[in-house]
mmCIF file of all heavy atoms, coordinates in Angstrom:
data_MODEL
# 
_entry.id   MODEL 
# 
loop_
_atom_site.group_PDB 
_atom_site.id 
_atom_site.type_symbol 
_atom_site.label_atom_id 
_atom_site.label_alt_id 
_atom_site.label_comp_id 
_atom_site.label_asym_id 
_atom_site.label_entity_id 
_atom_site.label_seq_id 
_atom_site.pdbx_PDB_ins_code 
_atom_site.Cartn_x 
_atom_site.Cartn_y 
_atom_site.Cartn_z 
_atom_site.occupancy 
_atom_site.B_iso_or_equiv 
_atom_site.pdbx_formal_charge 
_atom_site.auth_seq_id 
_atom_site.auth_comp_id 
_atom_site.auth_asym_id 
_atom_site.auth_atom_id 
_atom_site.pdbx_PDB_model_num 
ATOM 1   N N   . ALA A 1 1  ? 86.371  113.397 99.021  1.00 0.00 ? 1  ALA A N   1 
ATOM 2   C CA  . ALA A 1 1  ? 86.894  114.055 100.222 1.00 0.00 ? 1  ALA A CA  1 
ATOM 3   C C   . ALA A 1 1  ? 87.529  113.045 101.169 1.00 0.00 ? 1  ALA A C   1 
ATOM 4   O O   . ALA A 1 1  ? 88.590  113.305 101.755 1.00 0.00 ? 1  ALA A O   1 
ATOM 5   C CB  . ALA A 1 1  ? 85.766  114.805 100.933 1.00 0.00 ? 1  ALA A CB  1 
ATOM 6   N N   . GLU A 1 2  ? 86.893  111.876 101.314 1.00 0.00 ? 2  GLU A N   1 
ATOM 7   C CA  . GLU A 1 2  ? 87.452  110.858 102.218 1.00 0.00 ? 2  GLU A CA  1 
ATOM 8   C C   . GLU A 1 2  ? 88.716  110.237 101.626 1.00 0.00 ? 2  GLU A C   1 
ATOM 9   O O   . GLU A 1 2  ? 89.646  109.901 102.360 1.00 0.00 ? 2  GLU A O   1 
ATOM 10  C CB  . GLU A 1 2  ? 86.409  109.785 102.502 1.00 0.00 ? 2  GLU A CB  1 
ATOM 11  C CG  . GLU A 1 2  ? 85.198  110.287 103.278 1.00 0.00 ? 2  GLU A CG  1 
ATOM 12  C CD  . GLU A 1 2  ? 85.582  111.028 104.546 1.00 0.00 ? 2  GLU A CD  1 
ATOM 13  O OE1 . GLU A 1 2  ? 86.244  110.415 105.411 1.00 0.00 ? 2  GLU A OE1 1 
ATOM 14  O OE2 . GLU A 1 2  ? 85.233  112.215 104.667 1.00 0.00 ? 2  GLU A OE2 1 
ATOM 15  N N   . MET A 1 3  ? 88.777  110.101 100.321 1.00 0.00 ? 3  MET A N   1 
ATOM 16  C CA  . MET A 1 3  ? 89.990  109.572 99.688  1.00 0.00 ? 3  MET A CA  1 
ATOM 17  C C   . MET A 1 3  ? 91.143  110.575 99.795  1.00 0.00 ? 3  MET A C   1 
ATOM 18  O O   . MET A 1 3  ? 92.309  110.191 99.898  1.00 0.00 ? 3  MET A O   1 
ATOM 19  C CB  . MET A 1 3  ? 89.723  109.238 98.223  1.00 0.00 ? 3  MET A CB  1 
ATOM 20  C CG  . MET A 1 3  ? 88.910  107.965 98.008  1.00 0.00 ? 3  MET A CG  1 
ATOM 21  S SD  . MET A 1 3  ? 89.707  106.475 98.650  1.00 0.00 ? 3  MET A SD  1 
ATOM 22  C CE  . MET A 1 3  ? 91.157  106.389 97.599  1.00 0.00 ? 3  MET A CE  1 
ATOM 23  N N   . ALA A 1 4  ? 90.809  111.880 99.764  1.00 0.00 ? 4  ALA A N   1 
ATOM 24  C CA  . ALA A 1 4  ? 91.858  112.902 99.882  1.00 0.00 ? 4  ALA A CA  1 
ATOM 25  C C   . ALA A 1 4  ? 92.475  112.912 101.269 1.00 0.00 ? 4  ALA A C   1 
ATOM 26  O O   . ALA A 1 4  ? 93.644  113.262 101.437 1.00 0.00 ? 4  ALA A O   1 
ATOM 27  C CB  . ALA A 1 4  ? 91.274  114.280 99.557  1.00 0.00 ? 4  ALA A CB  1 
ATOM 28  N N   . GLY A 1 5  ? 91.684  112.518 102.272 1.00 0.00 ? 5  GLY A N   1 
ATOM 29  C CA  . GLY A 1 5  ? 92.216  112.397 103.615 1.00 0.00 ? 5  GLY A CA  1 
ATOM 30  C C   . GLY A 1 5  ? 92.385  113.725 104.316 1.00 0.00 ? 5  GLY A C   1 
ATOM 31  O O   . GLY A 1 5  ? 91.819  114.757 103.928 1.00 0.00 ? 5  GLY A O   1 
ATOM 32  N N   . ASN A 1 6  ? 93.209  113.713 105.360 1.00 0.00 ? 6  ASN A N   1 
ATOM 33  C CA  . ASN A 1 6  ? 93.441  114.886 106.194 1.00 0.00 ? 6  ASN A CA  1 
ATOM 34  C C   . ASN A 1 6  ? 94.855  115.396 105.956 1.00 0.00 ? 6  ASN A C   1 
ATOM 35  O O   . ASN A 1 6  ? 95.826  114.670 106.159 1.00 0.00 ? 6  ASN A O   1 
ATOM 36  C CB  . ASN A 1 6  ? 93.261  114.507 107.674 1.00 0.00 ? 6  ASN A CB  1 
ATOM 37  C CG  . ASN A 1 6  ? 93.258  115.712 108.590 1.00 0.00 ? 6  ASN A CG  1 
ATOM 38  O OD1 . ASN A 1 6  ? 93.983  116.679 108.374 1.00 0.00 ? 6  ASN A OD1 1 
ATOM 39  N ND2 . ASN A 1 6  ? 92.445  115.649 109.632 1.00 0.00 ? 6  ASN A ND2 1 
ATOM 40  N N   . PRO A 1 7  ? 95.020  116.663 105.548 1.00 0.00 ? 7  PRO A N   1 
ATOM 41  C CA  . PRO A 1 7  ? 96.362  117.172 105.254 1.00 0.00 ? 7  PRO A CA  1 
ATOM 42  C C   . PRO A 1 7  ? 97.278  117.206 106.480 1.00 0.00 ? 7  PRO A C   1 
ATOM 43  O O   . PRO A 1 7  ? 98.498  117.168 106.342 1.00 0.00 ? 7  PRO A O   1 
ATOM 44  C CB  . PRO A 1 7  ? 96.096  118.584 104.728 1.00 0.00 ? 7  PRO A CB  1 
ATOM 45  C CG  . PRO A 1 7  ? 94.763  118.951 105.273 1.00 0.00 ? 7  PRO A CG  1 
ATOM 46  C CD  . PRO A 1 7  ? 93.981  117.677 105.322 1.00 0.00 ? 7  PRO A CD  1 
ATOM 47  N N   . VAL A 1 8  ? 96.711  117.278 107.678 1.00 0.00 ? 8  VAL A N   1 
ATOM 48  C CA  . VAL A 1 8  ? 97.533  117.297 108.889 1.00 0.00 ? 8  VAL A CA  1 
ATOM 49  C C   . VAL A 1 8  ? 98.238  115.959 109.063 1.00 0.00 ? 8  VAL A C   1 
ATOM 50  O O   . VAL A 1 8  ? 99.449  115.901 109.327 1.00 0.00 ? 8  VAL A O   1 
ATOM 51  C CB  . VAL A 1 8  ? 96.671  117.620 110.120 1.00 0.00 ? 8  VAL A CB  1 
ATOM 52  C CG1 . VAL A 1 8  ? 97.507  117.535 111.396 1.00 0.00 ? 8  VAL A CG1 1 
ATOM 53  C CG2 . VAL A 1 8  ? 96.041  119.003 109.985 1.00 0.00 ? 8  VAL A CG2 1 
ATOM 54  N N   . THR A 1 9  ? 97.499  114.858 108.898 1.00 0.00 ? 9  THR A N   1 
ATOM 55  C CA  . THR A 1 9  ? 98.120  113.533 109.008 1.00 0.00 ? 9  THR A CA  1 
ATOM 56  C C   . THR A 1 9  ? 99.039  113.268 107.826 1.00 0.00 ? 9  THR A C   1 
ATOM 57  O O   . THR A 1 9  ? 100.053 112.583 107.955 1.00 0.00 ? 9  THR A O   1 
ATOM 58  C CB  . THR A 1 9  ? 97.053  112.438 109.101 1.00 0.00 ? 9  THR A CB  1 
ATOM 59  O OG1 . THR A 1 9  ? 96.173  112.532 107.970 1.00 0.00 ? 9  THR A OG1 1 
ATOM 60  C CG2 . THR A 1 9  ? 96.238  112.569 110.370 1.00 0.00 ? 9  THR A CG2 1 
ATOM 61  N N   . HIS A 1 10 ? 98.717  113.827 106.663 1.00 0.00 ? 10 HIS A N   1 
ATOM 62  C CA  . HIS A 1 10 ? 99.600  113.669 105.500 1.00 0.00 ? 10 HIS A CA  1 
ATOM 63  C C   . HIS A 1 10 ? 100.961 114.312 105.776 1.00 0.00 ? 10 HIS A C   1 
ATOM 64  O O   . HIS A 1 10 ? 102.010 113.765 105.408 1.00 0.00 ? 10 HIS A O   1 
ATOM 65  C CB  . HIS A 1 10 ? 98.968  114.316 104.269 1.00 0.00 ? 10 HIS A CB  1 
ATOM 66  C CG  . HIS A 1 10 ? 97.811  113.539 103.726 1.00 0.00 ? 10 HIS A CG  1 
ATOM 67  N ND1 . HIS A 1 10 ? 97.121  113.913 102.599 1.00 0.00 ? 10 HIS A ND1 1 
ATOM 68  C CD2 . HIS A 1 10 ? 97.221  112.397 104.147 1.00 0.00 ? 10 HIS A CD2 1 
ATOM 69  C CE1 . HIS A 1 10 ? 96.150  113.057 102.354 1.00 0.00 ? 10 HIS A CE1 1 
ATOM 70  N NE2 . HIS A 1 10 ? 96.196  112.130 103.291 1.00 0.00 ? 10 HIS A NE2 1 
ATOM 71  N N   . SER A 1 11 ? 100.948 115.466 106.421 1.00 0.00 ? 11 SER A N   1 
ATOM 72  C CA  . SER A 1 11 ? 102.205 116.156 106.698 1.00 0.00 ? 11 SER A CA  1 
ATOM 73  C C   . SER A 1 11 ? 103.080 115.376 107.673 1.00 0.00 ? 11 SER A C   1 
ATOM 74  O O   . SER A 1 11 ? 104.290 115.567 107.729 1.00 0.00 ? 11 SER A O   1 
ATOM 75  C CB  . SER A 1 11 ? 101.926 117.548 107.251 1.00 0.00 ? 11 SER A CB  1 
ATOM 76  O OG  . SER A 1 11 ? 101.285 117.461 108.524 1.00 0.00 ? 11 SER A OG  1 
ATOM 77  N N   . LEU A 1 12 ? 102.443 114.483 108.441 1.00 0.00 ? 12 LEU A N   1 
ATOM 78  C CA  . LEU A 1 12 ? 103.191 113.641 109.383 1.00 0.00 ? 12 LEU A CA  1 
ATOM 79  C C   . LEU A 1 12 ? 103.585 112.306 108.769 1.00 0.00 ? 12 LEU A C   1 
ATOM 80  O O   . LEU A 1 12 ? 104.164 111.452 109.448 1.00 0.00 ? 12 LEU A O   1 
ATOM 81  C CB  . LEU A 1 12 ? 102.342 113.394 110.642 1.00 0.00 ? 12 LEU A CB  1 
ATOM 82  C CG  . LEU A 1 12 ? 101.938 114.639 111.439 1.00 0.00 ? 12 LEU A CG  1 
ATOM 83  C CD1 . LEU A 1 12 ? 101.002 114.263 112.581 1.00 0.00 ? 12 LEU A CD1 1 
ATOM 84  C CD2 . LEU A 1 12 ? 103.175 115.357 111.984 1.00 0.00 ? 12 LEU A CD2 1 
ATOM 85  N N   . GLY A 1 13 ? 103.214 112.115 107.497 1.00 0.00 ? 13 GLY A N   1 
ATOM 86  C CA  . GLY A 1 13 ? 103.532 110.863 106.827 1.00 0.00 ? 13 GLY A CA  1 
ATOM 87  C C   . GLY A 1 13 ? 102.592 109.730 107.178 1.00 0.00 ? 13 GLY A C   1 
ATOM 88  O O   . GLY A 1 13 ? 102.936 108.557 107.012 1.00 0.00 ? 13 GLY A O   1 
ATOM 89  N N   . LEU A 1 14 ? 101.378 110.052 107.647 1.00 0.00 ? 14 LEU A N   1 
ATOM 90  C CA  . LEU A 1 14 ? 100.404 109.041 108.075 1.00 0.00 ? 14 LEU A CA  1 
ATOM 91  C C   . LEU A 1 14 ? 99.168  109.077 107.173 1.00 0.00 ? 14 LEU A C   1 
ATOM 92  O O   . LEU A 1 14 ? 98.860  110.077 106.543 1.00 0.00 ? 14 LEU A O   1 
ATOM 93  C CB  . LEU A 1 14 ? 99.978  109.291 109.523 1.00 0.00 ? 14 LEU A CB  1 
ATOM 94  C CG  . LEU A 1 14 ? 101.102 109.320 110.567 1.00 0.00 ? 14 LEU A CG  1 
ATOM 95  C CD1 . LEU A 1 14 ? 100.545 109.749 111.911 1.00 0.00 ? 14 LEU A CD1 1 
ATOM 96  C CD2 . LEU A 1 14 ? 101.784 107.974 110.661 1.00 0.00 ? 14 LEU A CD2 1 
ATOM 97  N N   . ALA A 1 15 ? 98.446  107.968 107.156 1.00 0.00 ? 15 ALA A N   1 
ATOM 98  C CA  . ALA A 1 15 ? 97.133  107.880 106.494 1.00 0.00 ? 15 ALA A CA  1 
ATOM 99  C C   . ALA A 1 15 ? 97.169  108.371 105.061 1.00 0.00 ? 15 ALA A C   1 
ATOM 100 O O   . ALA A 1 15 ? 96.307  109.117 104.617 1.00 0.00 ? 15 ALA A O   1 
ATOM 101 C CB  . ALA A 1 15 ? 96.091  108.662 107.295 1.00 0.00 ? 15 ALA A CB  1 
ATOM 102 N N   . GLN A 1 16 ? 98.154  107.941 104.308 1.00 0.00 ? 16 GLN A N   1 
ATOM 103 C CA  . GLN A 1 16 ? 98.265  108.363 102.914 1.00 0.00 ? 16 GLN A CA  1 
ATOM 104 C C   . GLN A 1 16 ? 97.171  107.760 102.032 1.00 0.00 ? 16 GLN A C   1 
ATOM 105 O O   . GLN A 1 16 ? 96.921  108.243 100.941 1.00 0.00 ? 16 GLN A O   1 
ATOM 106 C CB  . GLN A 1 16 ? 99.640  107.980 102.377 1.00 0.00 ? 16 GLN A CB  1 
ATOM 107 C CG  . GLN A 1 16 ? 100.804 108.705 103.060 1.00 0.00 ? 16 GLN A CG  1 
ATOM 108 C CD  . GLN A 1 16 ? 100.767 110.198 102.855 1.00 0.00 ? 16 GLN A CD  1 
ATOM 109 O OE1 . GLN A 1 16 ? 100.307 110.673 101.836 1.00 0.00 ? 16 GLN A OE1 1 
ATOM 110 N NE2 . GLN A 1 16 ? 101.234 110.954 103.845 1.00 0.00 ? 16 GLN A NE2 1 
ATOM 111 N N   . ALA A 1 17 ? 96.543  106.669 102.504 1.00 0.00 ? 17 ALA A N   1 
ATOM 112 C CA  . ALA A 1 17 ? 95.511  105.997 101.693 1.00 0.00 ? 17 ALA A CA  1 
ATOM 113 C C   . ALA A 1 17 ? 94.146  106.654 101.843 1.00 0.00 ? 17 ALA A C   1 
ATOM 114 O O   . ALA A 1 17 ? 93.160  106.148 101.320 1.00 0.00 ? 17 ALA A O   1 
ATOM 115 C CB  . ALA A 1 17 ? 95.429  104.527 102.083 1.00 0.00 ? 17 ALA A CB  1 
ATOM 116 N N   . GLY A 1 18 ? 94.059  107.770 102.542 1.00 0.00 ? 18 GLY A N   1 
ATOM 117 C CA  . GLY A 1 18 ? 92.775  108.429 102.732 1.00 0.00 ? 18 GLY A CA  1 
ATOM 118 C C   . GLY A 1 18 ? 92.420  108.502 104.202 1.00 0.00 ? 18 GLY A C   1 
ATOM 119 O O   . GLY A 1 18 ? 93.190  108.105 105.080 1.00 0.00 ? 18 GLY A O   1 
ATOM 120 N N   . ASN A 1 19 ? 91.244  109.022 104.479 1.00 0.00 ? 19 ASN A N   1 
ATOM 121 C CA  . ASN A 1 19 ? 90.798  109.206 105.858 1.00 0.00 ? 19 ASN A CA  1 
ATOM 122 C C   . ASN A 1 19 ? 90.094  107.949 106.359 1.00 0.00 ? 19 ASN A C   1 
ATOM 123 O O   . ASN A 1 19 ? 88.925  107.725 106.055 1.00 0.00 ? 19 ASN A O   1 
ATOM 124 C CB  . ASN A 1 19 ? 89.843  110.402 105.946 1.00 0.00 ? 19 ASN A CB  1 
ATOM 125 C CG  . ASN A 1 19 ? 89.306  110.595 107.347 1.00 0.00 ? 19 ASN A CG  1 
ATOM 126 O OD1 . ASN A 1 19 ? 90.014  110.373 108.328 1.00 0.00 ? 19 ASN A OD1 1 
ATOM 127 N ND2 . ASN A 1 19 ? 88.053  110.991 107.446 1.00 0.00 ? 19 ASN A ND2 1 
ATOM 128 N N   . MET A 1 20 ? 90.800  107.129 107.134 1.00 0.00 ? 20 MET A N   1 
ATOM 129 C CA  . MET A 1 20 ? 90.208  105.916 107.698 1.00 0.00 ? 20 MET A CA  1 
ATOM 130 C C   . MET A 1 20 ? 89.798  106.106 109.155 1.00 0.00 ? 20 MET A C   1 
ATOM 131 O O   . MET A 1 20 ? 89.351  105.160 109.806 1.00 0.00 ? 20 MET A O   1 
ATOM 132 C CB  . MET A 1 20 ? 91.205  104.753 107.595 1.00 0.00 ? 20 MET A CB  1 
ATOM 133 C CG  . MET A 1 20 ? 91.231  104.081 106.246 1.00 0.00 ? 20 MET A CG  1 
ATOM 134 S SD  . MET A 1 20 ? 89.644  103.301 105.814 1.00 0.00 ? 20 MET A SD  1 
ATOM 135 C CE  . MET A 1 20 ? 89.546  102.002 107.030 1.00 0.00 ? 20 MET A CE  1 
ATOM 136 N N   . GLU A 1 21 ? 89.922  107.318 109.665 1.00 0.00 ? 21 GLU A N   1 
ATOM 137 C CA  . GLU A 1 21 ? 89.498  107.553 111.050 1.00 0.00 ? 21 GLU A CA  1 
ATOM 138 C C   . GLU A 1 21 ? 87.992  107.335 111.183 1.00 0.00 ? 21 GLU A C   1 
ATOM 139 O O   . GLU A 1 21 ? 87.194  107.833 110.389 1.00 0.00 ? 21 GLU A O   1 
ATOM 140 C CB  . GLU A 1 21 ? 89.837  108.987 111.460 1.00 0.00 ? 21 GLU A CB  1 
ATOM 141 C CG  . GLU A 1 21 ? 89.430  109.308 112.895 1.00 0.00 ? 21 GLU A CG  1 
ATOM 142 C CD  . GLU A 1 21 ? 89.607  110.768 113.251 1.00 0.00 ? 21 GLU A CD  1 
ATOM 143 O OE1 . GLU A 1 21 ? 90.096  111.530 112.380 1.00 0.00 ? 21 GLU A OE1 1 
ATOM 144 O OE2 . GLU A 1 21 ? 89.240  111.154 114.372 1.00 0.00 ? 21 GLU A OE2 1 
ATOM 145 N N   . GLY A 1 22 ? 87.582  106.557 112.178 1.00 0.00 ? 22 GLY A N   1 
ATOM 146 C CA  . GLY A 1 22 ? 86.166  106.302 112.431 1.00 0.00 ? 22 GLY A CA  1 
ATOM 147 C C   . GLY A 1 22 ? 85.533  105.296 111.504 1.00 0.00 ? 22 GLY A C   1 
ATOM 148 O O   . GLY A 1 22 ? 84.311  105.101 111.541 1.00 0.00 ? 22 GLY A O   1 
ATOM 149 N N   . LYS A 1 23 ? 86.325  104.620 110.673 1.00 0.00 ? 23 LYS A N   1 
ATOM 150 C CA  . LYS A 1 23 ? 85.782  103.662 109.705 1.00 0.00 ? 23 LYS A CA  1 
ATOM 151 C C   . LYS A 1 23 ? 86.228  102.245 110.045 1.00 0.00 ? 23 LYS A C   1 
ATOM 152 O O   . LYS A 1 23 ? 87.288  102.037 110.639 1.00 0.00 ? 23 LYS A O   1 
ATOM 153 C CB  . LYS A 1 23 ? 86.224  104.019 108.284 1.00 0.00 ? 23 LYS A CB  1 
ATOM 154 C CG  . LYS A 1 23 ? 85.718  105.371 107.807 1.00 0.00 ? 23 LYS A CG  1 
ATOM 155 C CD  . LYS A 1 23 ? 86.211  105.686 106.412 1.00 0.00 ? 23 LYS A CD  1 
ATOM 156 C CE  . LYS A 1 23 ? 85.651  107.007 105.919 1.00 0.00 ? 23 LYS A CE  1 
ATOM 157 N NZ  . LYS A 1 23 ? 86.080  108.147 106.739 1.00 0.00 ? 23 LYS A NZ  1 
ATOM 158 N N   . GLU A 1 24 ? 85.422  101.283 109.654 1.00 0.00 ? 24 GLU A N   1 
ATOM 159 C CA  . GLU A 1 24 ? 85.756  99.875  109.844 1.00 0.00 ? 24 GLU A CA  1 
ATOM 160 C C   . GLU A 1 24 ? 86.624  99.408  108.688 1.00 0.00 ? 24 GLU A C   1 
ATOM 161 O O   . GLU A 1 24 ? 86.308  99.673  107.511 1.00 0.00 ? 24 GLU A O   1 
ATOM 162 C CB  . GLU A 1 24 ? 84.481  99.029  109.917 1.00 0.00 ? 24 GLU A CB  1 
ATOM 163 C CG  . GLU A 1 24 ? 83.632  99.306  111.150 1.00 0.00 ? 24 GLU A CG  1 
ATOM 164 C CD  . GLU A 1 24 ? 84.338  98.893  112.425 1.00 0.00 ? 24 GLU A CD  1 
ATOM 165 O OE1 . GLU A 1 24 ? 84.758  97.728  112.529 1.00 0.00 ? 24 GLU A OE1 1 
ATOM 166 O OE2 . GLU A 1 24 ? 84.478  99.742  113.318 1.00 0.00 ? 24 GLU A OE2 1 
ATOM 167 N N   . THR A 1 25 ? 87.697  98.685  108.996 1.00 0.00 ? 25 THR A N   1 
ATOM 168 C CA  . THR A 1 25 ? 88.599  98.226  107.936 1.00 0.00 ? 25 THR A CA  1 
ATOM 169 C C   . THR A 1 25 ? 87.926  97.221  107.023 1.00 0.00 ? 25 THR A C   1 
ATOM 170 O O   . THR A 1 25 ? 88.327  97.077  105.867 1.00 0.00 ? 25 THR A O   1 
ATOM 171 C CB  . THR A 1 25 ? 89.862  97.598  108.546 1.00 0.00 ? 25 THR A CB  1 
ATOM 172 O OG1 . THR A 1 25 ? 89.487  96.564  109.470 1.00 0.00 ? 25 THR A OG1 1 
ATOM 173 C CG2 . THR A 1 25 ? 90.673  98.650  109.292 1.00 0.00 ? 25 THR A CG2 1 
ATOM 174 N N   . ARG A 1 26 ? 86.908  96.514  107.510 1.00 0.00 ? 26 ARG A N   1 
ATOM 175 C CA  . ARG A 1 26 ? 86.229  95.535  106.651 1.00 0.00 ? 26 ARG A CA  1 
ATOM 176 C C   . ARG A 1 26 ? 85.372  96.205  105.578 1.00 0.00 ? 26 ARG A C   1 
ATOM 177 O O   . ARG A 1 26 ? 84.933  95.559  104.635 1.00 0.00 ? 26 ARG A O   1 
ATOM 178 C CB  . ARG A 1 26 ? 85.382  94.571  107.491 1.00 0.00 ? 26 ARG A CB  1 
ATOM 179 C CG  . ARG A 1 26 ? 84.187  95.190  108.201 1.00 0.00 ? 26 ARG A CG  1 
ATOM 180 C CD  . ARG A 1 26 ? 83.501  94.152  109.102 1.00 0.00 ? 26 ARG A CD  1 
ATOM 181 N NE  . ARG A 1 26 ? 82.297  94.651  109.732 1.00 0.00 ? 26 ARG A NE  1 
ATOM 182 C CZ  . ARG A 1 26 ? 82.251  95.383  110.825 1.00 0.00 ? 26 ARG A CZ  1 
ATOM 183 N NH1 . ARG A 1 26 ? 83.385  95.742  111.403 1.00 0.00 ? 26 ARG A NH1 1 
ATOM 184 N NH2 . ARG A 1 26 ? 81.104  95.789  111.336 1.00 0.00 ? 26 ARG A NH2 1 
ATOM 185 N N   . PHE A 1 27 ? 85.100  97.504  105.728 1.00 0.00 ? 27 PHE A N   1 
ATOM 186 C CA  . PHE A 1 27 ? 84.332  98.234  104.730 1.00 0.00 ? 27 PHE A CA  1 
ATOM 187 C C   . PHE A 1 27 ? 85.208  99.183  103.919 1.00 0.00 ? 27 PHE A C   1 
ATOM 188 O O   . PHE A 1 27 ? 85.024  99.316  102.708 1.00 0.00 ? 27 PHE A O   1 
ATOM 189 C CB  . PHE A 1 27 ? 83.206  99.038  105.404 1.00 0.00 ? 27 PHE A CB  1 
ATOM 190 C CG  . PHE A 1 27 ? 82.234  98.204  106.182 1.00 0.00 ? 27 PHE A CG  1 
ATOM 191 C CD1 . PHE A 1 27 ? 81.764  98.632  107.402 1.00 0.00 ? 27 PHE A CD1 1 
ATOM 192 C CD2 . PHE A 1 27 ? 81.809  96.982  105.698 1.00 0.00 ? 27 PHE A CD2 1 
ATOM 193 C CE1 . PHE A 1 27 ? 80.869  97.863  108.130 1.00 0.00 ? 27 PHE A CE1 1 
ATOM 194 C CE2 . PHE A 1 27 ? 80.915  96.200  106.409 1.00 0.00 ? 27 PHE A CE2 1 
ATOM 195 C CZ  . PHE A 1 27 ? 80.446  96.635  107.636 1.00 0.00 ? 27 PHE A CZ  1 
# 
């Protein structure tokens, strides 16, 4: 589910690598 991401941001051309909202980039 987290890899699939959010379809709303996908439609805007953002966050194609999955749902990184609220996550640390080091993890």
